[in-house]
mmCIF file of all heavy atoms, coordinates in Angstrom:
data_MODEL
# 
_entry.id   MODEL 
# 
loop_
_atom_site.group_PDB 
_atom_site.id 
_atom_site.type_symbol 
_atom_site.label_atom_id 
_atom_site.label_alt_id 
_atom_site.label_comp_id 
_atom_site.label_asym_id 
_atom_site.label_entity_id 
_atom_site.label_seq_id 
_atom_site.pdbx_PDB_ins_code 
_atom_site.Cartn_x 
_atom_site.Cartn_y 
_atom_site.Cartn_z 
_atom_site.occupancy 
_atom_site.B_iso_or_equiv 
_atom_site.pdbx_formal_charge 
_atom_site.auth_seq_id 
_atom_site.auth_comp_id 
_atom_site.auth_asym_id 
_atom_site.auth_atom_id 
_atom_site.pdbx_PDB_model_num 
ATOM 1   N N   . LEU A 1 1  ? 66.415 30.540 173.683 1.00 0.00 ? 1  LEU A N   1 
ATOM 2   C CA  . LEU A 1 1  ? 65.911 31.249 172.524 1.00 0.00 ? 1  LEU A CA  1 
ATOM 3   C C   . LEU A 1 1  ? 66.784 32.484 172.153 1.00 0.00 ? 1  LEU A C   1 
ATOM 4   O O   . LEU A 1 1  ? 67.649 32.782 173.017 1.00 0.00 ? 1  LEU A O   1 
ATOM 5   C CB  . LEU A 1 1  ? 64.466 31.733 172.763 1.00 0.00 ? 1  LEU A CB  1 
ATOM 6   C CG  . LEU A 1 1  ? 63.429 30.684 173.081 1.00 0.00 ? 1  LEU A CG  1 
ATOM 7   C CD1 . LEU A 1 1  ? 62.126 31.356 173.492 1.00 0.00 ? 1  LEU A CD1 1 
ATOM 8   C CD2 . LEU A 1 1  ? 63.167 29.736 171.896 1.00 0.00 ? 1  LEU A CD2 1 
ATOM 9   N N   . GLN A 1 2  ? 66.518 33.074 171.031 1.00 0.00 ? 2  GLN A N   1 
ATOM 10  C CA  . GLN A 1 2  ? 67.172 34.262 170.692 1.00 0.00 ? 2  GLN A CA  1 
ATOM 11  C C   . GLN A 1 2  ? 66.651 35.462 171.482 1.00 0.00 ? 2  GLN A C   1 
ATOM 12  O O   . GLN A 1 2  ? 65.476 35.372 171.922 1.00 0.00 ? 2  GLN A O   1 
ATOM 13  C CB  . GLN A 1 2  ? 67.044 34.535 169.199 1.00 0.00 ? 2  GLN A CB  1 
ATOM 14  C CG  . GLN A 1 2  ? 67.585 33.445 168.330 1.00 0.00 ? 2  GLN A CG  1 
ATOM 15  C CD  . GLN A 1 2  ? 69.124 33.388 168.473 1.00 0.00 ? 2  GLN A CD  1 
ATOM 16  O OE1 . GLN A 1 2  ? 69.828 34.451 168.524 1.00 0.00 ? 2  GLN A OE1 1 
ATOM 17  N NE2 . GLN A 1 2  ? 69.592 32.251 168.485 1.00 0.00 ? 2  GLN A NE2 1 
ATOM 18  N N   . PRO A 1 3  ? 67.480 36.454 171.797 1.00 0.00 ? 3  PRO A N   1 
ATOM 19  C CA  . PRO A 1 3  ? 66.982 37.614 172.555 1.00 0.00 ? 3  PRO A CA  1 
ATOM 20  C C   . PRO A 1 3  ? 65.723 38.235 171.974 1.00 0.00 ? 3  PRO A C   1 
ATOM 21  O O   . PRO A 1 3  ? 64.772 38.601 172.745 1.00 0.00 ? 3  PRO A O   1 
ATOM 22  C CB  . PRO A 1 3  ? 68.084 38.569 172.440 1.00 0.00 ? 3  PRO A CB  1 
ATOM 23  C CG  . PRO A 1 3  ? 69.363 37.789 172.258 1.00 0.00 ? 3  PRO A CG  1 
ATOM 24  C CD  . PRO A 1 3  ? 68.815 36.619 171.420 1.00 0.00 ? 3  PRO A CD  1 
ATOM 25  N N   . ARG A 1 4  ? 65.609 38.325 170.668 1.00 0.00 ? 4  ARG A N   1 
ATOM 26  C CA  . ARG A 1 4  ? 64.338 38.917 170.108 1.00 0.00 ? 4  ARG A CA  1 
ATOM 27  C C   . ARG A 1 4  ? 63.097 38.057 170.446 1.00 0.00 ? 4  ARG A C   1 
ATOM 28  O O   . ARG A 1 4  ? 61.953 38.524 170.622 1.00 0.00 ? 4  ARG A O   1 
ATOM 29  C CB  . ARG A 1 4  ? 64.569 38.968 168.632 1.00 0.00 ? 4  ARG A CB  1 
ATOM 30  C CG  . ARG A 1 4  ? 63.365 39.630 167.883 1.00 0.00 ? 4  ARG A CG  1 
ATOM 31  C CD  . ARG A 1 4  ? 63.570 41.167 167.908 1.00 0.00 ? 4  ARG A CD  1 
ATOM 32  N NE  . ARG A 1 4  ? 62.552 41.734 167.096 1.00 0.00 ? 4  ARG A NE  1 
ATOM 33  C CZ  . ARG A 1 4  ? 61.832 42.714 167.460 1.00 0.00 ? 4  ARG A CZ  1 
ATOM 34  N NH1 . ARG A 1 4  ? 62.077 43.345 168.580 1.00 0.00 ? 4  ARG A NH1 1 
ATOM 35  N NH2 . ARG A 1 4  ? 60.933 43.209 166.703 1.00 0.00 ? 4  ARG A NH2 1 
ATOM 36  N N   . ASP A 1 5  ? 63.292 36.735 170.538 1.00 0.00 ? 5  ASP A N   1 
ATOM 37  C CA  . ASP A 1 5  ? 62.137 35.847 170.986 1.00 0.00 ? 5  ASP A CA  1 
ATOM 38  C C   . ASP A 1 5  ? 61.699 36.149 172.399 1.00 0.00 ? 5  ASP A C   1 
ATOM 39  O O   . ASP A 1 5  ? 60.468 36.217 172.637 1.00 0.00 ? 5  ASP A O   1 
ATOM 40  C CB  . ASP A 1 5  ? 62.539 34.356 170.766 1.00 0.00 ? 5  ASP A CB  1 
ATOM 41  C CG  . ASP A 1 5  ? 62.808 33.978 169.444 1.00 0.00 ? 5  ASP A CG  1 
ATOM 42  O OD1 . ASP A 1 5  ? 62.241 34.552 168.485 1.00 0.00 ? 5  ASP A OD1 1 
ATOM 43  O OD2 . ASP A 1 5  ? 63.712 33.129 169.223 1.00 0.00 ? 5  ASP A OD2 1 
ATOM 44  N N   . TYR A 1 6  ? 62.650 36.302 173.267 1.00 0.00 ? 6  TYR A N   1 
ATOM 45  C CA  . TYR A 1 6  ? 62.313 36.762 174.651 1.00 0.00 ? 6  TYR A CA  1 
ATOM 46  C C   . TYR A 1 6  ? 61.499 37.980 174.672 1.00 0.00 ? 6  TYR A C   1 
ATOM 47  O O   . TYR A 1 6  ? 60.639 38.232 175.512 1.00 0.00 ? 6  TYR A O   1 
ATOM 48  C CB  . TYR A 1 6  ? 63.621 36.697 175.516 1.00 0.00 ? 6  TYR A CB  1 
ATOM 49  C CG  . TYR A 1 6  ? 64.116 35.430 175.843 1.00 0.00 ? 6  TYR A CG  1 
ATOM 50  C CD1 . TYR A 1 6  ? 65.353 35.092 175.223 1.00 0.00 ? 6  TYR A CD1 1 
ATOM 51  C CD2 . TYR A 1 6  ? 63.427 34.457 176.541 1.00 0.00 ? 6  TYR A CD2 1 
ATOM 52  C CE1 . TYR A 1 6  ? 65.902 33.860 175.508 1.00 0.00 ? 6  TYR A CE1 1 
ATOM 53  C CE2 . TYR A 1 6  ? 64.070 33.174 176.740 1.00 0.00 ? 6  TYR A CE2 1 
ATOM 54  C CZ  . TYR A 1 6  ? 65.227 32.909 176.277 1.00 0.00 ? 6  TYR A CZ  1 
ATOM 55  O OH  . TYR A 1 6  ? 65.803 31.630 176.412 1.00 0.00 ? 6  TYR A OH  1 
ATOM 56  N N   . GLU A 1 7  ? 61.960 38.970 173.857 1.00 0.00 ? 7  GLU A N   1 
ATOM 57  C CA  . GLU A 1 7  ? 61.332 40.321 173.855 1.00 0.00 ? 7  GLU A CA  1 
ATOM 58  C C   . GLU A 1 7  ? 59.914 40.149 173.425 1.00 0.00 ? 7  GLU A C   1 
ATOM 59  O O   . GLU A 1 7  ? 59.006 40.682 174.036 1.00 0.00 ? 7  GLU A O   1 
ATOM 60  C CB  . GLU A 1 7  ? 62.111 41.193 172.900 1.00 0.00 ? 7  GLU A CB  1 
ATOM 61  C CG  . GLU A 1 7  ? 61.608 42.514 172.825 1.00 0.00 ? 7  GLU A CG  1 
ATOM 62  C CD  . GLU A 1 7  ? 62.349 43.527 171.927 1.00 0.00 ? 7  GLU A CD  1 
ATOM 63  O OE1 . GLU A 1 7  ? 63.422 43.078 171.440 1.00 0.00 ? 7  GLU A OE1 1 
ATOM 64  O OE2 . GLU A 1 7  ? 61.837 44.554 171.617 1.00 0.00 ? 7  GLU A OE2 1 
ATOM 65  N N   . GLN A 1 8  ? 59.620 39.347 172.373 1.00 0.00 ? 8  GLN A N   1 
ATOM 66  C CA  . GLN A 1 8  ? 58.280 39.223 171.864 1.00 0.00 ? 8  GLN A CA  1 
ATOM 67  C C   . GLN A 1 8  ? 57.403 38.445 172.915 1.00 0.00 ? 8  GLN A C   1 
ATOM 68  O O   . GLN A 1 8  ? 56.207 38.797 173.075 1.00 0.00 ? 8  GLN A O   1 
ATOM 69  C CB  . GLN A 1 8  ? 58.344 38.410 170.577 1.00 0.00 ? 8  GLN A CB  1 
ATOM 70  C CG  . GLN A 1 8  ? 58.840 39.155 169.399 1.00 0.00 ? 8  GLN A CG  1 
ATOM 71  C CD  . GLN A 1 8  ? 58.075 40.446 169.152 1.00 0.00 ? 8  GLN A CD  1 
ATOM 72  O OE1 . GLN A 1 8  ? 56.890 40.407 169.103 1.00 0.00 ? 8  GLN A OE1 1 
ATOM 73  N NE2 . GLN A 1 8  ? 58.800 41.541 169.124 1.00 0.00 ? 8  GLN A NE2 1 
ATOM 74  N N   . ILE A 1 9  ? 57.863 37.397 173.492 1.00 0.00 ? 9  ILE A N   1 
ATOM 75  C CA  . ILE A 1 9  ? 57.150 36.676 174.573 1.00 0.00 ? 9  ILE A CA  1 
ATOM 76  C C   . ILE A 1 9  ? 56.867 37.653 175.724 1.00 0.00 ? 9  ILE A C   1 
ATOM 77  O O   . ILE A 1 9  ? 55.743 37.645 176.218 1.00 0.00 ? 9  ILE A O   1 
ATOM 78  C CB  . ILE A 1 9  ? 57.998 35.473 175.049 1.00 0.00 ? 9  ILE A CB  1 
ATOM 79  C CG1 . ILE A 1 9  ? 58.059 34.447 173.925 1.00 0.00 ? 9  ILE A CG1 1 
ATOM 80  C CG2 . ILE A 1 9  ? 57.277 34.821 176.310 1.00 0.00 ? 9  ILE A CG2 1 
ATOM 81  C CD1 . ILE A 1 9  ? 59.050 33.278 174.249 1.00 0.00 ? 9  ILE A CD1 1 
ATOM 82  N N   . ALA A 1 10 ? 57.838 38.437 176.127 1.00 0.00 ? 10 ALA A N   1 
ATOM 83  C CA  . ALA A 1 10 ? 57.666 39.380 177.241 1.00 0.00 ? 10 ALA A CA  1 
ATOM 84  C C   . ALA A 1 10 ? 56.570 40.391 176.860 1.00 0.00 ? 10 ALA A C   1 
ATOM 85  O O   . ALA A 1 10 ? 55.698 40.657 177.715 1.00 0.00 ? 10 ALA A O   1 
ATOM 86  C CB  . ALA A 1 10 ? 58.919 40.106 177.661 1.00 0.00 ? 10 ALA A CB  1 
ATOM 87  N N   . LEU A 1 11 ? 56.610 40.861 175.708 1.00 0.00 ? 11 LEU A N   1 
ATOM 88  C CA  . LEU A 1 11 ? 55.620 41.834 175.336 1.00 0.00 ? 11 LEU A CA  1 
ATOM 89  C C   . LEU A 1 11 ? 54.183 41.228 175.194 1.00 0.00 ? 11 LEU A C   1 
ATOM 90  O O   . LEU A 1 11 ? 53.217 41.854 175.657 1.00 0.00 ? 11 LEU A O   1 
ATOM 91  C CB  . LEU A 1 11 ? 55.870 42.461 173.894 1.00 0.00 ? 11 LEU A CB  1 
ATOM 92  C CG  . LEU A 1 11 ? 57.158 43.444 173.910 1.00 0.00 ? 11 LEU A CG  1 
ATOM 93  C CD1 . LEU A 1 11 ? 57.556 43.720 172.472 1.00 0.00 ? 11 LEU A CD1 1 
ATOM 94  C CD2 . LEU A 1 11 ? 56.937 44.640 174.692 1.00 0.00 ? 11 LEU A CD2 1 
ATOM 95  N N   . GLN A 1 12 ? 54.068 40.010 174.744 1.00 0.00 ? 12 GLN A N   1 
ATOM 96  C CA  . GLN A 1 12 ? 52.821 39.282 174.660 1.00 0.00 ? 12 GLN A CA  1 
ATOM 97  C C   . GLN A 1 12 ? 52.281 39.099 176.092 1.00 0.00 ? 12 GLN A C   1 
ATOM 98  O O   . GLN A 1 12 ? 51.154 39.328 176.382 1.00 0.00 ? 12 GLN A O   1 
ATOM 99  C CB  . GLN A 1 12 ? 52.977 37.916 173.972 1.00 0.00 ? 12 GLN A CB  1 
ATOM 100 C CG  . GLN A 1 12 ? 53.119 38.022 172.501 1.00 0.00 ? 12 GLN A CG  1 
ATOM 101 C CD  . GLN A 1 12 ? 51.897 38.552 171.818 1.00 0.00 ? 12 GLN A CD  1 
ATOM 102 O OE1 . GLN A 1 12 ? 50.866 38.112 172.063 1.00 0.00 ? 12 GLN A OE1 1 
ATOM 103 N NE2 . GLN A 1 12 ? 52.065 39.391 170.788 1.00 0.00 ? 12 GLN A NE2 1 
ATOM 104 N N   . LEU A 1 13 ? 53.065 38.575 177.027 1.00 0.00 ? 13 LEU A N   1 
ATOM 105 C CA  . LEU A 1 13 ? 52.643 38.250 178.323 1.00 0.00 ? 13 LEU A CA  1 
ATOM 106 C C   . LEU A 1 13 ? 52.248 39.599 179.093 1.00 0.00 ? 13 LEU A C   1 
ATOM 107 O O   . LEU A 1 13 ? 51.275 39.665 179.796 1.00 0.00 ? 13 LEU A O   1 
ATOM 108 C CB  . LEU A 1 13 ? 53.728 37.468 179.157 1.00 0.00 ? 13 LEU A CB  1 
ATOM 109 C CG  . LEU A 1 13 ? 53.860 35.997 178.623 1.00 0.00 ? 13 LEU A CG  1 
ATOM 110 C CD1 . LEU A 1 13 ? 55.074 35.454 179.378 1.00 0.00 ? 13 LEU A CD1 1 
ATOM 111 C CD2 . LEU A 1 13 ? 52.650 35.228 178.779 1.00 0.00 ? 13 LEU A CD2 1 
ATOM 112 N N   . ALA A 1 14 ? 53.032 40.558 178.941 1.00 0.00 ? 14 ALA A N   1 
ATOM 113 C CA  . ALA A 1 14 ? 52.779 41.873 179.652 1.00 0.00 ? 14 ALA A CA  1 
ATOM 114 C C   . ALA A 1 14 ? 51.485 42.429 179.129 1.00 0.00 ? 14 ALA A C   1 
ATOM 115 O O   . ALA A 1 14 ? 50.638 43.063 179.946 1.00 0.00 ? 14 ALA A O   1 
ATOM 116 C CB  . ALA A 1 14 ? 53.997 42.728 179.464 1.00 0.00 ? 14 ALA A CB  1 
ATOM 117 N N   . GLY A 1 15 ? 51.360 42.461 177.860 1.00 0.00 ? 15 GLY A N   1 
ATOM 118 C CA  . GLY A 1 15 ? 50.142 43.132 177.211 1.00 0.00 ? 15 GLY A CA  1 
ATOM 119 C C   . GLY A 1 15 ? 48.863 42.403 177.726 1.00 0.00 ? 15 GLY A C   1 
ATOM 120 O O   . GLY A 1 15 ? 47.929 43.007 178.071 1.00 0.00 ? 15 GLY A O   1 
ATOM 121 N N   . HIS A 1 16 ? 48.907 41.103 177.646 1.00 0.00 ? 16 HIS A N   1 
ATOM 122 C CA  . HIS A 1 16 ? 47.806 40.338 178.146 1.00 0.00 ? 16 HIS A CA  1 
ATOM 123 C C   . HIS A 1 16 ? 47.560 40.547 179.662 1.00 0.00 ? 16 HIS A C   1 
ATOM 124 O O   . HIS A 1 16 ? 46.419 40.663 180.054 1.00 0.00 ? 16 HIS A O   1 
ATOM 125 C CB  . HIS A 1 16 ? 47.916 38.905 177.767 1.00 0.00 ? 16 HIS A CB  1 
ATOM 126 C CG  . HIS A 1 16 ? 46.637 38.087 177.881 1.00 0.00 ? 16 HIS A CG  1 
ATOM 127 N ND1 . HIS A 1 16 ? 45.535 38.350 177.022 1.00 0.00 ? 16 HIS A ND1 1 
ATOM 128 C CD2 . HIS A 1 16 ? 46.219 37.182 178.794 1.00 0.00 ? 16 HIS A CD2 1 
ATOM 129 C CE1 . HIS A 1 16 ? 44.503 37.545 177.412 1.00 0.00 ? 16 HIS A CE1 1 
ATOM 130 N NE2 . HIS A 1 16 ? 44.905 36.818 178.483 1.00 0.00 ? 16 HIS A NE2 1 
ATOM 131 N N   . ALA A 1 17 ? 48.611 40.494 180.474 1.00 0.00 ? 17 ALA A N   1 
ATOM 132 C CA  . ALA A 1 17 ? 48.495 40.683 181.800 1.00 0.00 ? 17 ALA A CA  1 
ATOM 133 C C   . ALA A 1 17 ? 47.856 41.997 182.186 1.00 0.00 ? 17 ALA A C   1 
ATOM 134 O O   . ALA A 1 17 ? 46.967 42.157 183.064 1.00 0.00 ? 17 ALA A O   1 
ATOM 135 C CB  . ALA A 1 17 ? 49.847 40.636 182.513 1.00 0.00 ? 17 ALA A CB  1 
ATOM 136 N N   . ARG A 1 18 ? 48.131 43.055 181.393 1.00 0.00 ? 18 ARG A N   1 
ATOM 137 C CA  . ARG A 1 18 ? 47.440 44.407 181.520 1.00 0.00 ? 18 ARG A CA  1 
ATOM 138 C C   . ARG A 1 18 ? 46.019 44.313 181.316 1.00 0.00 ? 18 ARG A C   1 
ATOM 139 O O   . ARG A 1 18 ? 45.135 44.849 182.071 1.00 0.00 ? 18 ARG A O   1 
ATOM 140 C CB  . ARG A 1 18 ? 48.103 45.435 180.693 1.00 0.00 ? 18 ARG A CB  1 
ATOM 141 C CG  . ARG A 1 18 ? 49.413 45.955 181.164 1.00 0.00 ? 18 ARG A CG  1 
ATOM 142 C CD  . ARG A 1 18 ? 49.970 47.037 180.236 1.00 0.00 ? 18 ARG A CD  1 
ATOM 143 N NE  . ARG A 1 18 ? 51.389 47.364 180.717 1.00 0.00 ? 18 ARG A NE  1 
ATOM 144 C CZ  . ARG A 1 18 ? 52.452 46.829 180.186 1.00 0.00 ? 18 ARG A CZ  1 
ATOM 145 N NH1 . ARG A 1 18 ? 52.361 45.925 179.184 1.00 0.00 ? 18 ARG A NH1 1 
ATOM 146 N NH2 . ARG A 1 18 ? 53.702 47.131 180.601 1.00 0.00 ? 18 ARG A NH2 1 
ATOM 147 N N   . SER A 1 19 ? 45.627 43.492 180.264 1.00 0.00 ? 19 SER A N   1 
ATOM 148 C CA  . SER A 1 19 ? 44.181 43.343 179.922 1.00 0.00 ? 19 SER A CA  1 
ATOM 149 C C   . SER A 1 19 ? 43.437 42.567 181.027 1.00 0.00 ? 19 SER A C   1 
ATOM 150 O O   . SER A 1 19 ? 42.348 42.992 181.460 1.00 0.00 ? 19 SER A O   1 
ATOM 151 C CB  . SER A 1 19 ? 43.975 42.642 178.592 1.00 0.00 ? 19 SER A CB  1 
ATOM 152 O OG  . SER A 1 19 ? 44.528 43.348 177.576 1.00 0.00 ? 19 SER A OG  1 
ATOM 153 N N   . VAL A 1 20 ? 44.045 41.565 181.588 1.00 0.00 ? 20 VAL A N   1 
ATOM 154 C CA  . VAL A 1 20 ? 43.463 40.770 182.605 1.00 0.00 ? 20 VAL A CA  1 
ATOM 155 C C   . VAL A 1 20 ? 43.362 41.640 183.941 1.00 0.00 ? 20 VAL A C   1 
ATOM 156 O O   . VAL A 1 20 ? 42.320 41.690 184.534 1.00 0.00 ? 20 VAL A O   1 
ATOM 157 C CB  . VAL A 1 20 ? 44.175 39.488 182.987 1.00 0.00 ? 20 VAL A CB  1 
ATOM 158 C CG1 . VAL A 1 20 ? 43.649 38.718 184.114 1.00 0.00 ? 20 VAL A CG1 1 
ATOM 159 C CG2 . VAL A 1 20 ? 44.314 38.594 181.678 1.00 0.00 ? 20 VAL A CG2 1 
ATOM 160 N N   . ALA A 1 21 ? 44.429 42.445 184.210 1.00 0.00 ? 21 ALA A N   1 
ATOM 161 C CA  . ALA A 1 21 ? 44.403 43.295 185.346 1.00 0.00 ? 21 ALA A CA  1 
ATOM 162 C C   . ALA A 1 21 ? 43.285 44.291 185.207 1.00 0.00 ? 21 ALA A C   1 
ATOM 163 O O   . ALA A 1 21 ? 42.597 44.563 186.310 1.00 0.00 ? 21 ALA A O   1 
ATOM 164 C CB  . ALA A 1 21 ? 45.766 43.939 185.528 1.00 0.00 ? 21 ALA A CB  1 
ATOM 165 N N   . ASP A 1 22 ? 43.029 44.789 184.050 1.00 0.00 ? 22 ASP A N   1 
ATOM 166 C CA  . ASP A 1 22 ? 42.011 45.805 183.945 1.00 0.00 ? 22 ASP A CA  1 
ATOM 167 C C   . ASP A 1 22 ? 40.613 45.129 184.197 1.00 0.00 ? 22 ASP A C   1 
ATOM 168 O O   . ASP A 1 22 ? 39.710 45.753 184.840 1.00 0.00 ? 22 ASP A O   1 
ATOM 169 C CB  . ASP A 1 22 ? 41.939 46.369 182.507 1.00 0.00 ? 22 ASP A CB  1 
ATOM 170 C CG  . ASP A 1 22 ? 43.064 47.369 182.160 1.00 0.00 ? 22 ASP A CG  1 
ATOM 171 O OD1 . ASP A 1 22 ? 43.658 47.858 183.132 1.00 0.00 ? 22 ASP A OD1 1 
ATOM 172 O OD2 . ASP A 1 22 ? 43.335 47.638 181.032 1.00 0.00 ? 22 ASP A OD2 1 
ATOM 173 N N   . ASP A 1 23 ? 40.447 43.949 183.732 1.00 0.00 ? 23 ASP A N   1 
ATOM 174 C CA  . ASP A 1 23 ? 39.152 43.240 184.035 1.00 0.00 ? 23 ASP A CA  1 
ATOM 175 C C   . ASP A 1 23 ? 38.977 42.898 185.550 1.00 0.00 ? 23 ASP A C   1 
ATOM 176 O O   . ASP A 1 23 ? 37.983 43.072 186.076 1.00 0.00 ? 23 ASP A O   1 
ATOM 177 C CB  . ASP A 1 23 ? 39.032 41.983 183.160 1.00 0.00 ? 23 ASP A CB  1 
ATOM 178 C CG  . ASP A 1 23 ? 37.631 41.363 183.167 1.00 0.00 ? 23 ASP A CG  1 
ATOM 179 O OD1 . ASP A 1 23 ? 36.736 42.155 182.843 1.00 0.00 ? 23 ASP A OD1 1 
ATOM 180 O OD2 . ASP A 1 23 ? 37.515 40.222 183.640 1.00 0.00 ? 23 ASP A OD2 1 
ATOM 181 N N   . VAL A 1 24 ? 40.054 42.479 186.106 1.00 0.00 ? 24 VAL A N   1 
ATOM 182 C CA  . VAL A 1 24 ? 40.086 42.201 187.582 1.00 0.00 ? 24 VAL A CA  1 
ATOM 183 C C   . VAL A 1 24 ? 39.786 43.417 188.305 1.00 0.00 ? 24 VAL A C   1 
ATOM 184 O O   . VAL A 1 24 ? 38.957 43.409 189.332 1.00 0.00 ? 24 VAL A O   1 
ATOM 185 C CB  . VAL A 1 24 ? 41.489 41.612 187.989 1.00 0.00 ? 24 VAL A CB  1 
ATOM 186 C CG1 . VAL A 1 24 ? 41.540 41.529 189.564 1.00 0.00 ? 24 VAL A CG1 1 
ATOM 187 C CG2 . VAL A 1 24 ? 41.638 40.176 187.431 1.00 0.00 ? 24 VAL A CG2 1 
ATOM 188 N N   . ARG A 1 25 ? 40.365 44.554 187.946 1.00 0.00 ? 25 ARG A N   1 
ATOM 189 C CA  . ARG A 1 25 ? 40.107 45.877 188.610 1.00 0.00 ? 25 ARG A CA  1 
ATOM 190 C C   . ARG A 1 25 ? 38.626 46.224 188.456 1.00 0.00 ? 25 ARG A C   1 
ATOM 191 O O   . ARG A 1 25 ? 37.987 46.733 189.422 1.00 0.00 ? 25 ARG A O   1 
ATOM 192 C CB  . ARG A 1 25 ? 40.919 46.992 187.960 1.00 0.00 ? 25 ARG A CB  1 
ATOM 193 C CG  . ARG A 1 25 ? 40.896 48.273 188.716 1.00 0.00 ? 25 ARG A CG  1 
ATOM 194 C CD  . ARG A 1 25 ? 41.853 49.323 188.136 1.00 0.00 ? 25 ARG A CD  1 
ATOM 195 N NE  . ARG A 1 25 ? 43.234 48.764 188.371 1.00 0.00 ? 25 ARG A NE  1 
ATOM 196 C CZ  . ARG A 1 25 ? 44.009 48.276 187.371 1.00 0.00 ? 25 ARG A CZ  1 
ATOM 197 N NH1 . ARG A 1 25 ? 43.555 48.139 186.134 1.00 0.00 ? 25 ARG A NH1 1 
ATOM 198 N NH2 . ARG A 1 25 ? 45.249 47.929 187.631 1.00 0.00 ? 25 ARG A NH2 1 
# 
């Protein structure tokens, strides 16, 4: 993919992982 696509995917996954981690905590 294009670098910008990786950046968007990384931001989506990281943001959601933070939400899940908050609920797990």
